[in-house]
N, C-alpha and C. Protein backbone atom coordinates (compact mmCIF):
# COMPACT_ATOMS: atom_id res chain seq x y z
N UNK A 1 123.11 122.19 65.44
CA UNK A 1 121.85 121.58 65.10
C UNK A 1 120.97 122.64 64.41
N UNK A 2 120.19 122.21 63.46
CA UNK A 2 119.30 123.09 62.71
C UNK A 2 117.88 122.91 63.27
N UNK A 3 117.16 124.02 63.42
CA UNK A 3 115.77 123.98 63.89
C UNK A 3 114.88 124.45 62.76
N UNK A 4 113.86 123.64 62.44
CA UNK A 4 112.98 123.92 61.32
C UNK A 4 111.52 123.93 61.78
N UNK A 5 110.77 124.92 61.31
CA UNK A 5 109.33 124.92 61.50
C UNK A 5 108.78 124.04 60.38
N UNK A 6 108.49 122.80 60.71
CA UNK A 6 108.04 121.82 59.71
C UNK A 6 106.69 122.24 59.12
N UNK A 7 105.83 122.81 59.94
CA UNK A 7 104.49 123.22 59.48
C UNK A 7 104.58 124.30 58.40
N UNK A 8 105.53 125.20 58.55
CA UNK A 8 105.67 126.32 57.60
C UNK A 8 106.81 126.10 56.61
N UNK A 9 107.58 125.02 56.80
CA UNK A 9 108.73 124.74 55.94
C UNK A 9 109.71 125.91 55.92
N UNK A 10 110.01 126.43 57.12
CA UNK A 10 110.95 127.54 57.25
C UNK A 10 112.02 127.19 58.28
N UNK A 11 113.25 127.57 57.99
CA UNK A 11 114.34 127.37 58.94
C UNK A 11 114.24 128.44 60.02
N UNK A 12 114.21 127.98 61.26
CA UNK A 12 114.16 128.90 62.40
C UNK A 12 115.57 129.35 62.75
N UNK A 13 116.50 128.41 62.84
CA UNK A 13 117.92 128.76 63.01
C UNK A 13 118.79 127.63 62.50
N UNK A 14 120.00 127.99 62.11
CA UNK A 14 120.92 127.02 61.51
C UNK A 14 121.94 126.47 62.50
N UNK A 15 122.12 127.13 63.63
CA UNK A 15 123.18 126.76 64.56
C UNK A 15 122.66 126.80 65.99
N UNK A 16 121.98 125.72 66.41
CA UNK A 16 121.43 125.66 67.76
C UNK A 16 122.26 124.72 68.62
N UNK A 17 122.46 125.13 69.86
CA UNK A 17 123.13 124.29 70.86
C UNK A 17 122.05 123.65 71.73
N UNK A 18 122.43 122.59 72.41
CA UNK A 18 121.52 121.86 73.28
C UNK A 18 121.97 122.03 74.72
N UNK A 19 121.06 122.49 75.56
CA UNK A 19 121.31 122.59 77.00
C UNK A 19 120.46 121.50 77.66
N UNK A 20 121.09 120.35 77.93
CA UNK A 20 120.34 119.21 78.44
C UNK A 20 120.91 118.64 79.75
N UNK A 21 121.85 119.35 80.35
CA UNK A 21 122.34 118.95 81.67
C UNK A 21 121.91 120.03 82.66
N UNK A 22 121.93 119.70 83.94
CA UNK A 22 121.51 120.67 84.96
C UNK A 22 122.31 121.97 84.85
N UNK A 23 123.60 121.87 84.68
CA UNK A 23 124.44 123.07 84.61
C UNK A 23 124.20 123.84 83.32
N UNK A 24 124.17 123.15 82.18
CA UNK A 24 123.97 123.87 80.92
C UNK A 24 122.59 124.51 80.85
N UNK A 25 121.58 123.88 81.46
CA UNK A 25 120.24 124.46 81.48
C UNK A 25 120.20 125.68 82.40
N UNK A 26 120.93 125.62 83.51
CA UNK A 26 120.95 126.74 84.45
C UNK A 26 121.69 127.94 83.86
N UNK A 27 122.78 127.69 83.16
CA UNK A 27 123.59 128.77 82.59
C UNK A 27 122.92 129.36 81.36
N UNK A 28 122.41 128.53 80.46
CA UNK A 28 121.74 129.02 79.25
C UNK A 28 122.61 130.01 78.49
N UNK A 29 122.09 131.20 78.25
CA UNK A 29 122.82 132.24 77.50
C UNK A 29 123.47 133.27 78.43
N UNK A 30 123.43 133.03 79.73
CA UNK A 30 124.05 133.97 80.67
C UNK A 30 125.53 134.15 80.36
N UNK A 31 126.00 135.36 80.52
CA UNK A 31 127.41 135.65 80.28
C UNK A 31 127.72 136.04 78.86
N UNK A 32 126.78 135.82 77.96
CA UNK A 32 126.99 136.24 76.57
C UNK A 32 126.56 137.67 76.39
N UNK A 33 127.15 138.34 75.41
CA UNK A 33 126.80 139.73 75.14
C UNK A 33 125.71 139.85 74.09
N UNK A 34 125.54 138.80 73.29
CA UNK A 34 124.54 138.82 72.23
C UNK A 34 124.30 137.40 71.73
N UNK A 35 123.34 137.27 70.84
CA UNK A 35 123.08 136.02 70.12
C UNK A 35 122.96 136.40 68.65
N UNK A 36 123.55 135.61 67.79
CA UNK A 36 123.53 135.89 66.35
C UNK A 36 122.16 135.50 65.76
N UNK A 37 121.79 136.10 64.63
CA UNK A 37 120.50 135.79 64.00
C UNK A 37 120.31 134.32 63.63
N UNK A 38 121.39 133.59 63.39
CA UNK A 38 121.26 132.18 63.01
C UNK A 38 121.54 131.22 64.17
N UNK A 39 121.61 131.74 65.40
CA UNK A 39 121.89 130.92 66.58
C UNK A 39 120.62 130.66 67.39
N UNK A 40 120.68 129.59 68.18
CA UNK A 40 119.61 129.28 69.10
C UNK A 40 120.11 128.39 70.21
N UNK A 41 119.31 128.24 71.25
CA UNK A 41 119.63 127.35 72.35
C UNK A 41 118.36 126.60 72.71
N UNK A 42 118.44 125.27 72.69
CA UNK A 42 117.32 124.41 73.07
C UNK A 42 117.55 123.99 74.52
N UNK A 43 116.65 124.41 75.40
CA UNK A 43 116.75 124.06 76.81
C UNK A 43 115.71 122.98 77.09
N UNK A 44 116.18 121.79 77.46
CA UNK A 44 115.27 120.67 77.71
C UNK A 44 114.63 120.80 79.09
N UNK A 45 113.51 120.12 79.27
CA UNK A 45 112.79 120.09 80.55
C UNK A 45 112.58 121.50 81.09
N UNK A 46 112.02 122.37 80.26
CA UNK A 46 111.90 123.78 80.61
C UNK A 46 110.48 124.27 80.32
N UNK A 47 109.84 124.82 81.35
CA UNK A 47 108.46 125.31 81.21
C UNK A 47 108.36 126.83 81.29
N UNK A 48 109.46 127.47 81.69
CA UNK A 48 109.49 128.92 81.83
C UNK A 48 110.96 129.35 81.85
N UNK A 49 111.22 130.58 81.47
CA UNK A 49 112.59 131.10 81.55
C UNK A 49 112.58 132.44 82.27
N UNK A 50 113.74 132.80 82.80
CA UNK A 50 113.91 134.13 83.36
C UNK A 50 115.06 134.80 82.62
N UNK A 51 115.05 136.10 82.67
CA UNK A 51 116.07 136.89 81.97
C UNK A 51 116.94 137.68 82.95
N UNK A 52 116.99 137.21 84.21
CA UNK A 52 117.81 137.88 85.21
C UNK A 52 119.27 137.87 84.78
N UNK A 53 119.88 139.02 84.82
CA UNK A 53 121.30 139.22 84.51
C UNK A 53 121.65 139.03 83.03
N UNK A 54 120.64 138.93 82.18
CA UNK A 54 120.88 138.86 80.74
C UNK A 54 121.20 140.26 80.22
N UNK A 55 121.90 140.31 79.08
CA UNK A 55 122.32 141.59 78.51
C UNK A 55 121.59 141.94 77.22
N UNK A 56 120.70 141.07 76.77
CA UNK A 56 120.01 141.29 75.50
C UNK A 56 118.65 140.60 75.51
N UNK A 57 117.76 141.05 74.65
CA UNK A 57 116.43 140.46 74.50
C UNK A 57 116.51 139.23 73.59
N UNK A 58 115.54 138.33 73.72
CA UNK A 58 115.46 137.13 72.88
C UNK A 58 113.99 136.82 72.57
N UNK A 59 113.77 135.97 71.59
CA UNK A 59 112.48 135.32 71.35
C UNK A 59 112.58 133.92 71.94
N UNK A 60 111.45 133.39 72.42
CA UNK A 60 111.44 132.04 72.98
C UNK A 60 110.23 131.29 72.46
N UNK A 61 110.48 130.06 72.00
CA UNK A 61 109.42 129.16 71.57
C UNK A 61 109.37 128.01 72.57
N UNK A 62 108.19 127.74 73.13
CA UNK A 62 108.01 126.61 74.04
C UNK A 62 107.28 125.49 73.30
N UNK A 63 107.81 124.28 73.41
CA UNK A 63 107.22 123.13 72.72
C UNK A 63 106.89 122.02 73.71
N UNK A 64 105.97 121.15 73.31
CA UNK A 64 105.60 120.01 74.14
C UNK A 64 106.48 118.81 73.81
N UNK A 65 106.12 117.64 74.36
CA UNK A 65 106.93 116.43 74.16
C UNK A 65 106.96 115.97 72.71
N UNK A 66 106.01 116.42 71.90
CA UNK A 66 105.97 116.08 70.47
C UNK A 66 106.51 117.20 69.59
N UNK A 67 107.14 118.20 70.21
CA UNK A 67 107.70 119.38 69.52
C UNK A 67 106.65 120.23 68.82
N UNK A 68 105.45 120.24 69.38
CA UNK A 68 104.38 121.13 68.93
C UNK A 68 104.50 122.43 69.73
N UNK A 69 104.37 123.56 69.04
CA UNK A 69 104.51 124.86 69.70
C UNK A 69 103.31 125.11 70.62
N UNK A 70 103.64 125.35 71.90
CA UNK A 70 102.62 125.64 72.92
C UNK A 70 102.59 127.10 73.31
N UNK A 71 103.74 127.74 73.23
CA UNK A 71 103.83 129.12 73.67
C UNK A 71 104.89 129.89 72.92
N UNK A 72 104.65 131.18 72.77
CA UNK A 72 105.58 132.07 72.08
C UNK A 72 105.79 133.31 72.94
N UNK A 73 107.04 133.67 73.12
CA UNK A 73 107.37 134.91 73.85
C UNK A 73 108.30 135.70 72.95
N UNK A 74 107.79 136.82 72.46
CA UNK A 74 108.56 137.65 71.54
C UNK A 74 109.30 138.74 72.30
N UNK A 75 110.58 138.91 71.96
CA UNK A 75 111.38 140.03 72.42
C UNK A 75 111.35 140.22 73.94
N UNK A 76 111.54 139.13 74.67
CA UNK A 76 111.56 139.24 76.13
C UNK A 76 112.85 139.93 76.55
N UNK A 77 112.71 140.92 77.39
CA UNK A 77 113.82 141.79 77.76
C UNK A 77 114.55 141.29 79.01
N UNK A 78 115.79 141.77 79.20
CA UNK A 78 116.53 141.43 80.42
C UNK A 78 115.73 141.76 81.68
N UNK A 79 115.90 140.92 82.69
CA UNK A 79 115.28 141.05 84.01
C UNK A 79 113.77 140.82 84.01
N UNK A 80 113.25 140.15 82.98
CA UNK A 80 111.84 139.77 82.93
C UNK A 80 111.71 138.26 83.06
N UNK A 81 110.48 137.79 83.26
CA UNK A 81 110.21 136.35 83.30
C UNK A 81 109.14 136.02 82.25
N UNK A 82 109.26 134.83 81.68
CA UNK A 82 108.25 134.38 80.72
C UNK A 82 107.06 133.82 81.49
N UNK A 83 105.93 133.67 80.80
CA UNK A 83 104.82 132.91 81.41
C UNK A 83 105.27 131.47 81.64
N UNK A 84 104.53 130.76 82.47
CA UNK A 84 104.79 129.35 82.75
C UNK A 84 103.87 128.52 81.86
N UNK A 85 104.46 127.63 81.06
CA UNK A 85 103.69 126.76 80.16
C UNK A 85 103.70 125.35 80.73
N UNK A 86 102.61 124.96 81.38
CA UNK A 86 102.55 123.73 82.16
C UNK A 86 102.89 122.48 81.36
N UNK A 87 102.52 122.43 80.10
CA UNK A 87 102.76 121.22 79.30
C UNK A 87 104.02 121.31 78.45
N UNK A 88 104.79 122.37 78.62
CA UNK A 88 106.01 122.52 77.81
C UNK A 88 107.07 121.51 78.23
N UNK A 89 107.86 121.10 77.26
CA UNK A 89 108.99 120.21 77.50
C UNK A 89 110.30 120.94 77.21
N UNK A 90 110.30 121.81 76.20
CA UNK A 90 111.52 122.51 75.81
C UNK A 90 111.25 123.99 75.59
N UNK A 91 112.30 124.79 75.80
CA UNK A 91 112.29 126.21 75.45
C UNK A 91 113.38 126.41 74.41
N UNK A 92 113.06 127.10 73.34
CA UNK A 92 114.04 127.38 72.29
C UNK A 92 114.29 128.89 72.30
N UNK A 93 115.50 129.28 72.70
CA UNK A 93 115.85 130.69 72.79
C UNK A 93 116.50 131.12 71.48
N UNK A 94 116.04 132.27 70.96
CA UNK A 94 116.42 132.70 69.61
C UNK A 94 116.66 134.21 69.54
N UNK A 95 117.29 134.61 68.47
CA UNK A 95 117.50 136.02 68.17
C UNK A 95 116.13 136.72 68.12
N UNK A 96 116.02 137.94 68.69
CA UNK A 96 114.73 138.62 68.65
C UNK A 96 114.26 138.90 67.22
N UNK A 97 112.97 138.68 67.00
CA UNK A 97 112.39 138.86 65.67
C UNK A 97 112.27 137.56 64.89
N UNK A 98 112.86 136.48 65.41
CA UNK A 98 112.83 135.20 64.70
C UNK A 98 111.42 134.63 64.60
N UNK A 99 110.65 134.74 65.67
CA UNK A 99 109.27 134.21 65.64
C UNK A 99 108.47 134.88 64.54
N UNK A 100 108.55 136.19 64.48
CA UNK A 100 107.80 136.93 63.46
C UNK A 100 108.34 136.63 62.06
N UNK A 101 109.65 136.62 61.92
CA UNK A 101 110.28 136.38 60.61
C UNK A 101 109.89 135.02 60.03
N UNK A 102 109.79 134.01 60.89
CA UNK A 102 109.48 132.65 60.44
C UNK A 102 107.99 132.34 60.50
N UNK A 103 107.19 133.29 60.90
CA UNK A 103 105.74 133.16 61.07
C UNK A 103 105.35 131.95 61.92
N UNK A 104 106.20 131.63 62.89
CA UNK A 104 105.92 130.52 63.79
C UNK A 104 104.71 130.85 64.65
N UNK A 105 103.80 129.86 64.79
CA UNK A 105 102.55 130.07 65.50
C UNK A 105 102.26 128.89 66.43
N UNK A 106 101.36 129.12 67.37
CA UNK A 106 100.91 128.05 68.26
C UNK A 106 100.37 126.91 67.40
N UNK A 107 100.78 125.69 67.74
CA UNK A 107 100.33 124.51 67.00
C UNK A 107 101.28 124.04 65.92
N UNK A 108 102.24 124.87 65.53
CA UNK A 108 103.21 124.45 64.51
C UNK A 108 104.08 123.30 65.04
N UNK A 109 104.55 122.47 64.14
CA UNK A 109 105.43 121.35 64.46
C UNK A 109 106.88 121.80 64.20
N UNK A 110 107.75 121.59 65.18
CA UNK A 110 109.16 121.93 65.08
C UNK A 110 109.97 120.64 64.97
N UNK A 111 110.98 120.64 64.09
CA UNK A 111 111.88 119.49 63.99
C UNK A 111 113.32 119.97 64.14
N UNK A 112 114.16 119.04 64.58
CA UNK A 112 115.59 119.31 64.79
C UNK A 112 116.39 118.40 63.87
N UNK A 113 117.39 118.97 63.19
CA UNK A 113 118.27 118.18 62.31
C UNK A 113 119.71 118.41 62.70
N UNK A 114 120.49 117.32 62.73
CA UNK A 114 121.93 117.44 63.02
C UNK A 114 122.69 117.93 61.83
């Protein structure tokens, strides 16, 4: 799946997976050694993430039910926790530096394309 910042007309990532089951949401990126610059993971029903036992840093975009950006966490490191975004519906985990590279900001509209 492709993730696009519709507000900025920029591609955020070209190859995103969907974690929409209890198990896939719990596992997320655990067990991986890295994430590629064009990869992402969309975790549904997610208001916060933890980086316990992760091996690499990531960027995270939190969106509401309308895919509007509510929160941004840049370069979150292993064994850290993100802030809790009460109105978030999804967390999009990305290669570090993606938020800055795509100039994604609070309030931007995100769209997903198959």
